[in-house]
Amino acid sequence: PVIRELKRVSTPGRRVYAGVSEIPSVRQGLGIAIVSTPKGVMSDAQARTDNVGGEVLCTVF
């Protein structure tokens, strides 16, 4: 497991929010997006499973 890319999506000046159907898929599912939801901080897959959206913090590949 190697982290090749860590990209910040939301910044203090530009927050990016996504509903459950709008959460991005990172590199066709090979990477993950970290999402801050009302249920806590979780991966994009877990957010889809729990059917919650939130602020997209970063993507990891």
Protein backbone atom coordinates (compact mmCIF):
# COMPACT_ATOMS: atom_id res chain seq x y z
CA PRO A 1 0.00 0.00 0.00
CA VAL A 2 1.60 3.19 -1.23
CA ILE A 3 0.13 6.68 -1.06
CA ARG A 4 0.95 8.27 -4.40
CA GLU A 5 -1.28 11.32 -4.22
CA LEU A 6 -3.03 13.23 -1.45
CA LYS A 7 -5.12 16.11 -2.74
CA ARG A 8 -7.01 18.57 -0.55
CA VAL A 9 -10.51 19.25 -1.89
CA SER A 10 -12.10 21.57 0.69
CA THR A 11 -10.12 24.56 1.88
CA PRO A 12 -11.00 27.13 4.55
CA GLY A 13 -11.94 29.59 1.79
CA ARG A 14 -13.80 27.14 -0.45
CA ARG A 15 -15.81 24.36 1.17
CA VAL A 16 -16.94 21.50 -1.07
CA TYR A 17 -20.08 19.63 -0.03
CA ALA A 18 -21.53 16.57 -1.76
CA GLY A 19 -24.73 14.63 -1.33
CA VAL A 20 -24.58 10.84 -1.19
CA SER A 21 -25.12 10.57 -4.96
CA GLU A 22 -22.49 13.26 -5.68
CA ILE A 23 -19.57 11.88 -3.64
CA PRO A 24 -16.66 11.56 -6.10
CA SER A 25 -15.16 8.24 -7.14
CA VAL A 26 -11.37 8.55 -7.02
CA ARG A 27 -9.50 6.98 -9.97
CA GLN A 28 -12.40 4.66 -10.86
CA GLY A 29 -12.60 3.30 -7.31
CA LEU A 30 -8.88 2.66 -6.77
CA GLY A 31 -8.51 5.61 -4.38
CA ILE A 32 -10.69 6.94 -1.58
CA ALA A 33 -12.22 10.26 -0.67
CA ILE A 34 -12.33 11.33 2.99
CA VAL A 35 -15.74 12.81 3.84
CA SER A 36 -16.81 14.66 7.00
CA THR A 37 -20.45 13.74 7.66
CA PRO A 38 -22.90 14.26 10.52
CA LYS A 39 -22.07 10.65 11.52
CA GLY A 40 -18.33 11.41 11.65
CA VAL A 41 -15.32 11.34 9.33
CA MET A 42 -15.40 8.36 6.96
CA SER A 43 -14.36 7.11 3.54
CA ASP A 44 -16.47 7.62 0.44
CA ALA A 45 -17.51 3.94 0.38
CA GLN A 46 -18.67 4.03 4.00
CA ALA A 47 -20.60 7.27 3.40
CA ARG A 48 -22.41 5.65 0.46
CA THR A 49 -23.19 2.58 2.60
CA ASP A 50 -24.54 4.78 5.43
CA ASN A 51 -26.41 6.92 2.84
CA VAL A 52 -24.99 10.24 4.08
CA GLY A 53 -23.28 13.14 2.34
CA GLY A 54 -21.04 15.84 3.74
CA GLU A 55 -17.92 17.89 3.19
CA VAL A 56 -15.30 16.28 0.94
CA LEU A 57 -12.02 16.89 2.79
CA CYS A 58 -9.46 15.20 0.52
CA THR A 59 -8.78 12.40 -1.94
CA VAL A 60 -6.12 9.72 -1.49
CA PHE A 61 -4.58 7.58 -4.22
